């Protein structure tokens, strides 16, 4: 959801003061306190620890203790899952440290910080240009961020969010300018060789086929198609170490609420002209923890176990939540 640019407001915050400065300045480190709240996979079944083929490894909710701690659209895990980087609908970067319990389950988040993304000219992203929706990390530590409304891809050097880290415009996939206003590239994944996979969310018109593109390391884009389940739309993507791609699909219905499904697409099937169809790994729908899940990330946990993280976008609405759920995928 599009919102107004970042505004710094003075207000009392229990246990945490997030450091935020506006356009062109570095973020101030957040307080070390942990304000997150634990989340169970199924509130009515506290012992439930599996969904589909995934093993639950803990979850937290990030309360909106600051006006701009919301709208998280995609994320990445760093440092064996101890750090996360997320982007927001306001064109900001949220970073933080993740805490795990003795079992290796996600238990909290602290040291939160918010920074503004910058444009090519060094100014802060703003207005209709600030709707950051997808994130991919590059082999050199740089980043590609996909924006909706004013559809574009910006390539940032390492240090995402620092005011001195200006991006360059990445040549867009063919036809990206024809994407729906609020249905551009929501799923973006980077491979170890530097290639990129981009999937368009598209219109909410019941269609199951979505435009997709693969970018070779040299920079040329090729077109392919991604098939989602009916009433679901692709909102996130991440690459596993073996080249398999995880795609997150989201559903919303006025009668059944939010739901999400995670599928995997064989890496060998991702080639120009292909039709990509994923194998479902898990589905999150009530009474399980469910919300507007838009981002997925993969990485190793502190104990070396392979982890999958999902993040939800609360749209800055009080009836929604920012959930960060952690899962493991058995071999």
Protein backbone atom coordinates (compact mmCIF):
# COMPACT_ATOMS: atom_id res chain seq x y z
CA UNK A 1 0.00 0.00 0.00
CA UNK A 2 1.37 3.43 -0.92
CA UNK A 3 1.92 5.75 1.98
CA UNK A 4 3.28 9.24 2.59
CA UNK A 5 7.08 9.73 2.91
CA UNK A 6 8.82 9.09 6.20
CA UNK A 7 7.95 11.59 8.91
CA UNK A 8 9.88 11.67 12.16
CA UNK A 9 7.46 12.00 15.05
CA UNK A 10 8.21 12.52 18.72
CA UNK A 11 6.31 10.04 20.83
CA UNK A 12 6.86 7.88 23.88
CA UNK A 13 7.99 4.38 22.95
CA UNK A 14 8.02 1.57 25.50
CA UNK A 15 11.32 -0.31 25.69
CA UNK A 16 12.57 0.77 22.26
CA UNK A 17 13.54 3.93 20.46
CA UNK A 18 14.15 3.29 16.80
CA UNK A 19 16.76 5.60 15.30
CA UNK A 20 15.48 7.16 12.14
CA UNK A 21 16.75 10.13 10.19
CA UNK A 22 15.41 11.48 6.98
CA UNK A 23 16.74 11.78 3.46
CA UNK A 24 20.47 11.43 2.97
CA UNK A 25 21.56 10.61 6.53
CA UNK A 26 22.70 7.39 8.17
CA UNK A 27 20.36 5.61 10.51
CA UNK A 28 20.94 5.83 14.24
CA UNK A 29 21.25 2.43 15.87
CA UNK A 30 18.08 1.28 17.60
CA UNK A 31 17.81 0.42 21.26
CA UNK A 32 19.11 -3.04 22.22
CA UNK A 33 15.84 -3.99 23.89
CA UNK A 34 13.76 -6.77 22.37
CA UNK A 35 10.12 -5.73 21.88
CA UNK A 36 9.06 -8.62 19.67
CA UNK A 37 6.32 -11.00 20.77
CA UNK A 38 6.43 -14.78 20.28
CA UNK A 39 4.08 -16.31 17.71
CA UNK A 40 2.97 -19.94 17.59
CA UNK A 41 2.32 -21.77 14.35
CA UNK A 42 -1.19 -22.59 15.56
CA UNK A 43 -2.49 -20.63 18.59
CA UNK A 44 -5.03 -23.37 19.33
CA UNK A 45 -2.40 -26.12 19.07
CA UNK A 46 0.72 -24.92 20.90
CA UNK A 47 2.58 -28.18 20.26
CA UNK A 48 2.10 -28.11 16.48
CA UNK A 49 5.51 -27.84 14.84
CA UNK A 50 4.98 -28.90 11.24
CA UNK A 51 3.05 -27.58 8.27
CA UNK A 52 3.20 -29.49 5.03
CA UNK A 53 6.82 -30.48 4.48
CA UNK A 54 8.20 -27.67 6.67
CA UNK A 55 9.26 -27.84 10.29
CA UNK A 56 8.37 -24.78 12.36
CA UNK A 57 11.37 -23.10 13.99
CA UNK A 58 9.76 -20.25 15.88
CA UNK A 59 8.05 -16.99 15.05
CA UNK A 60 7.78 -13.42 16.29
CA UNK A 61 5.59 -10.39 15.79
CA UNK A 62 7.16 -6.96 15.44
CA UNK A 63 4.75 -4.46 17.04
CA UNK A 64 4.53 -1.09 15.32
CA UNK A 65 6.29 0.76 18.11
CA UNK A 66 7.33 3.41 15.61
CA UNK A 67 5.15 4.87 12.84
CA UNK A 68 7.45 3.51 10.14
CA UNK A 69 8.04 0.00 11.48
CA UNK A 70 5.58 -1.59 9.08
CA UNK A 71 4.92 -2.41 5.46
CA UNK A 72 7.76 -4.95 5.26
CA UNK A 73 7.66 -6.41 1.74
CA UNK A 74 10.76 -8.60 1.40
CA UNK A 75 13.81 -9.64 3.38
CA UNK A 76 17.19 -11.38 3.43
CA UNK A 77 18.98 -13.34 6.15
CA UNK A 78 22.65 -12.66 6.89
CA UNK A 79 25.30 -13.98 9.29
CA UNK A 80 23.82 -17.47 9.70
CA UNK A 81 20.39 -16.02 10.37
CA UNK A 82 21.54 -13.66 13.11
CA UNK A 83 20.79 -10.53 11.08
CA UNK A 84 17.99 -9.58 8.73
CA UNK A 85 17.54 -6.87 6.11
CA UNK A 86 14.04 -5.92 4.95
CA UNK A 87 12.53 -3.31 2.65
CA UNK A 88 9.24 -1.49 3.10
CA UNK A 89 6.38 0.07 1.15
CA UNK A 90 7.76 3.47 2.21
CA UNK A 91 11.11 2.96 0.50
CA UNK A 92 12.95 2.25 3.73
CA UNK A 93 15.39 -0.45 4.85
CA UNK A 94 14.76 -2.12 8.21
CA UNK A 95 17.63 -4.06 9.77
CA UNK A 96 17.87 -5.94 13.03
CA UNK A 97 19.45 -8.73 15.03
CA UNK A 98 17.59 -12.00 15.48
CA UNK A 99 17.75 -13.95 18.74
CA UNK A 100 17.38 -17.73 19.08
CA UNK A 101 16.61 -19.91 22.10
CA UNK A 102 18.48 -22.99 23.31
CA UNK A 103 16.68 -25.15 20.73
CA UNK A 104 17.79 -22.90 17.89
CA UNK A 105 14.26 -21.53 17.42
CA UNK A 106 13.62 -17.89 16.56
CA UNK A 107 12.83 -16.10 19.80
CA UNK A 108 13.20 -12.35 19.30
CA UNK A 109 14.54 -9.32 17.43
CA UNK A 110 16.47 -6.32 18.69
CA UNK A 111 18.82 -3.53 17.54
CA UNK A 112 16.22 -2.44 15.00
CA UNK A 113 17.06 0.38 12.66
CA UNK A 114 15.30 2.15 9.77
CA UNK A 115 17.02 3.94 6.91
CA UNK A 116 15.73 5.61 3.78
CA UNK A 117 16.62 4.19 0.38
CA UNK A 118 18.16 6.72 -1.99
CA UNK A 119 17.61 7.41 -5.65
CA UNK A 120 20.25 7.56 -8.36
CA UNK A 121 20.78 11.26 -7.64
CA UNK A 122 21.34 10.63 -3.93
CA UNK A 123 18.00 12.01 -2.77
CA UNK A 124 15.54 9.94 -0.76
CA UNK A 125 12.96 7.90 -2.63
CA UNK A 126 9.60 9.61 -2.21
CA UNK A 127 6.05 9.94 -3.46
CA UNK A 128 4.91 7.28 -5.90
CA UNK A 129 8.53 6.21 -6.35
CA UNK A 130 8.99 4.81 -2.83
CA UNK A 131 7.01 1.54 -3.04
CA UNK A 132 9.84 -1.01 -2.66
CA UNK A 133 8.43 -4.53 -3.05
CA UNK A 134 11.21 -7.01 -3.91
CA UNK A 135 14.80 -7.60 -2.86
CA UNK A 136 17.64 -9.77 -4.15
CA UNK A 137 21.22 -10.00 -2.94
CA UNK A 138 24.01 -10.22 -5.50
CA UNK A 139 27.17 -12.34 -5.27
CA UNK A 140 29.32 -9.24 -4.64
CA UNK A 141 27.21 -8.22 -1.63
CA UNK A 142 25.22 -5.66 -3.57
CA UNK A 143 21.44 -5.58 -3.87
CA UNK A 144 18.69 -5.21 -6.44
CA UNK A 145 15.45 -3.60 -5.27
CA UNK A 146 12.25 -3.77 -7.29
CA UNK A 147 9.71 -0.93 -7.06
CA UNK A 148 6.03 -0.81 -7.99
CA UNK A 149 3.82 2.06 -9.15
CA UNK A 150 6.83 3.64 -10.88
CA UNK A 151 8.12 0.27 -12.06
CA UNK A 152 11.91 -0.06 -12.00
CA UNK A 153 14.85 -2.05 -10.68
CA UNK A 154 17.68 -0.29 -8.88
CA UNK A 155 21.03 -1.92 -8.22
CA UNK A 156 22.66 -0.84 -4.95
CA UNK A 157 26.25 -1.46 -3.84
CA UNK A 158 26.90 -3.18 -0.47
CA UNK A 159 25.63 -1.14 2.47
CA UNK A 160 21.98 -0.92 1.46
CA UNK A 161 20.37 2.18 2.91
CA UNK A 162 23.55 4.17 3.45
CA UNK A 163 23.16 7.64 1.89
CA UNK A 164 26.54 7.37 0.16
CA UNK A 165 25.56 4.10 -1.55
CA UNK A 166 23.81 5.44 -4.63
CA UNK A 167 22.18 2.93 -6.97
CA UNK A 168 22.26 2.61 -10.71
CA UNK A 169 19.24 1.83 -12.84
CA UNK A 170 19.16 -1.77 -13.96
CA UNK A 171 17.85 -2.24 -17.48
CA UNK A 172 14.25 -3.38 -16.98
CA UNK A 173 12.75 -6.58 -18.37
CA UNK A 174 10.89 -6.09 -21.65
CA UNK A 175 7.35 -4.87 -21.05
CA UNK A 176 7.80 -3.98 -17.38
CA UNK A 177 6.36 -0.54 -18.09
CA UNK A 178 3.08 -2.28 -18.95
CA UNK A 179 2.77 -3.93 -15.54
CA UNK A 180 -0.33 -3.11 -13.46
CA UNK A 181 0.14 -0.05 -11.26
CA UNK A 182 0.10 -2.13 -8.07
CA UNK A 183 1.12 -5.46 -9.62
CA UNK A 184 4.75 -5.21 -10.68
CA UNK A 185 7.76 -7.31 -9.73
CA UNK A 186 7.02 -8.62 -6.23
CA UNK A 187 9.11 -11.79 -6.51
CA UNK A 188 12.82 -11.30 -7.19
CA UNK A 189 15.61 -13.83 -6.61
CA UNK A 190 19.35 -13.73 -7.21
CA UNK A 191 21.46 -16.76 -8.18
CA UNK A 192 25.07 -17.50 -7.26
CA UNK A 193 26.24 -16.72 -10.81
CA UNK A 194 24.67 -13.24 -10.74
CA UNK A 195 21.57 -14.04 -12.77
CA UNK A 196 18.14 -12.87 -11.62
CA UNK A 197 14.61 -14.25 -11.70
CA UNK A 198 11.76 -11.71 -11.62
CA UNK A 199 8.05 -12.57 -11.42
CA UNK A 200 5.21 -10.10 -11.89
CA UNK A 201 2.38 -10.11 -9.36
CA UNK A 202 -0.11 -9.04 -12.02
CA UNK A 203 -3.75 -8.07 -11.69
CA UNK A 204 -6.14 -9.66 -9.24
CA UNK A 205 -8.29 -10.94 -12.11
CA UNK A 206 -8.26 -14.68 -11.40
CA UNK A 207 -5.50 -15.43 -13.88
CA UNK A 208 -3.06 -18.15 -12.89
CA UNK A 209 -0.28 -17.25 -15.33
CA UNK A 210 2.15 -14.44 -14.55
CA UNK A 211 4.84 -12.87 -16.66
CA UNK A 212 8.36 -13.69 -15.55
CA UNK A 213 11.87 -12.94 -16.72
CA UNK A 214 15.34 -14.39 -16.27
CA UNK A 215 18.36 -12.10 -16.53
CA UNK A 216 21.67 -13.61 -17.52
CA UNK A 217 24.82 -12.47 -15.69
CA UNK A 218 25.73 -10.46 -18.78
CA UNK A 219 22.55 -8.41 -18.57
CA UNK A 220 20.17 -9.80 -21.23
CA UNK A 221 16.58 -10.55 -20.17
CA UNK A 222 14.53 -13.49 -21.49
CA UNK A 223 10.82 -14.06 -20.97
CA UNK A 224 9.08 -17.02 -19.35
CA UNK A 225 5.81 -17.69 -17.50
CA UNK A 226 5.09 -18.59 -13.88
CA UNK A 227 1.87 -20.46 -13.02
CA UNK A 228 0.38 -19.83 -9.59
CA UNK A 229 -2.60 -21.49 -7.97
CA UNK A 230 -5.92 -19.85 -8.75
CA UNK A 231 -6.68 -16.92 -6.41
CA UNK A 232 -3.01 -16.84 -5.33
CA UNK A 233 -0.41 -14.36 -6.61
CA UNK A 234 3.40 -14.52 -6.39
CA UNK A 235 4.82 -12.09 -3.83
CA UNK A 236 8.31 -13.36 -3.01
CA UNK A 237 11.13 -15.59 -4.23
CA UNK A 238 14.44 -16.90 -2.92
CA UNK A 239 17.12 -19.29 -4.18
CA UNK A 240 18.28 -22.36 -2.27
CA UNK A 241 21.94 -23.41 -2.33
CA UNK A 242 21.28 -26.06 -5.00
CA UNK A 243 19.65 -23.55 -7.35
CA UNK A 244 16.07 -24.52 -6.51
CA UNK A 245 13.80 -21.48 -6.29
CA UNK A 246 11.21 -21.01 -3.54
CA UNK A 247 8.22 -18.91 -4.56
CA UNK A 248 5.81 -17.43 -2.04
CA UNK A 249 2.20 -17.00 -3.18
CA UNK A 250 -0.41 -14.97 -1.32
CA UNK A 251 -4.19 -15.17 -1.20
CA UNK A 252 -6.80 -12.83 0.22
CA UNK A 253 -10.54 -13.45 0.33
CA UNK A 254 -13.24 -11.36 1.99
CA UNK A 255 -14.71 -14.50 3.55
CA UNK A 256 -11.64 -16.64 4.24
CA UNK A 257 -9.03 -13.94 4.93
CA UNK A 258 -5.29 -14.25 4.33
CA UNK A 259 -3.47 -17.37 3.21
CA UNK A 260 -0.10 -18.21 1.67
CA UNK A 261 1.55 -21.16 0.01
CA UNK A 262 5.25 -21.86 -0.50
CA UNK A 263 6.29 -23.82 -3.56
CA UNK A 264 9.62 -24.85 -5.01
CA UNK A 265 10.63 -24.71 -8.65
CA UNK A 266 13.44 -26.89 -9.96
CA UNK A 267 16.40 -24.79 -10.97
CA UNK A 268 16.87 -26.75 -14.18
CA UNK A 269 13.39 -25.76 -15.37
CA UNK A 270 14.16 -22.04 -15.29
CA UNK A 271 15.07 -21.25 -18.88
CA UNK A 272 13.83 -18.84 -21.57
CA UNK A 273 10.32 -19.60 -22.78
CA UNK A 274 9.60 -22.09 -20.00
CA UNK A 275 6.38 -22.47 -18.04
CA UNK A 276 7.31 -22.65 -14.35
CA UNK A 277 5.07 -24.72 -12.09
CA UNK A 278 6.00 -25.16 -8.44
CA UNK A 279 5.63 -28.11 -6.09
CA UNK A 280 3.81 -27.07 -2.93
CA UNK A 281 5.81 -27.41 0.28
CA UNK A 282 3.37 -25.84 2.74
CA UNK A 283 0.24 -23.74 3.05
CA UNK A 284 -0.54 -21.24 5.79
CA UNK A 285 -4.21 -20.45 6.35
CA UNK A 286 -6.40 -20.00 9.43
CA UNK A 287 -6.34 -21.37 12.07
CA UNK A 288 -2.56 -21.33 11.45
CA UNK A 289 -0.66 -18.05 11.75
CA UNK A 290 -1.61 -16.23 8.56
CA UNK A 291 -1.36 -12.68 7.31
CA UNK A 292 -0.23 -10.76 4.23
CA UNK A 293 2.99 -12.74 3.62
CA UNK A 294 5.06 -11.00 0.96
CA UNK A 295 8.71 -11.91 1.55
CA UNK A 296 10.75 -15.10 1.74
CA UNK A 297 14.44 -15.60 2.50
CA UNK A 298 16.72 -18.60 2.84
CA UNK A 299 19.90 -19.15 4.82
CA UNK A 300 21.61 -21.21 7.47
CA UNK A 301 20.53 -20.91 11.07
CA UNK A 302 22.96 -20.43 13.97
CA UNK A 303 23.06 -24.21 14.37
CA UNK A 304 23.85 -24.76 10.67
CA UNK A 305 20.36 -25.98 9.81
CA UNK A 306 18.93 -24.68 6.55
CA UNK A 307 16.22 -22.10 7.30
CA UNK A 308 13.37 -20.43 5.43
CA UNK A 309 12.00 -17.12 6.73
CA UNK A 310 8.65 -15.56 5.82
CA UNK A 311 7.72 -11.93 6.50
CA UNK A 312 4.26 -10.34 6.36
CA UNK A 313 3.36 -6.81 5.28
CA UNK A 314 0.88 -5.22 7.70
CA UNK A 315 -0.01 -2.46 5.20
CA UNK A 316 0.27 -0.06 8.16
CA UNK A 317 -3.16 -1.24 9.31
CA UNK A 318 -3.98 -1.96 12.93
CA UNK A 319 -5.91 -5.13 12.09
CA UNK A 320 -2.85 -6.71 10.45
CA UNK A 321 0.50 -7.84 11.86
CA UNK A 322 4.17 -7.93 10.94
CA UNK A 323 5.03 -11.60 11.39
CA UNK A 324 8.45 -13.17 10.94
CA UNK A 325 8.19 -16.96 10.87
CA UNK A 326 11.10 -19.39 10.61
CA UNK A 327 10.96 -22.88 9.13
CA UNK A 328 13.29 -25.74 8.28
CA UNK A 329 13.09 -27.91 5.18
CA UNK A 330 14.28 -31.45 5.89
CA UNK A 331 16.64 -32.99 3.30
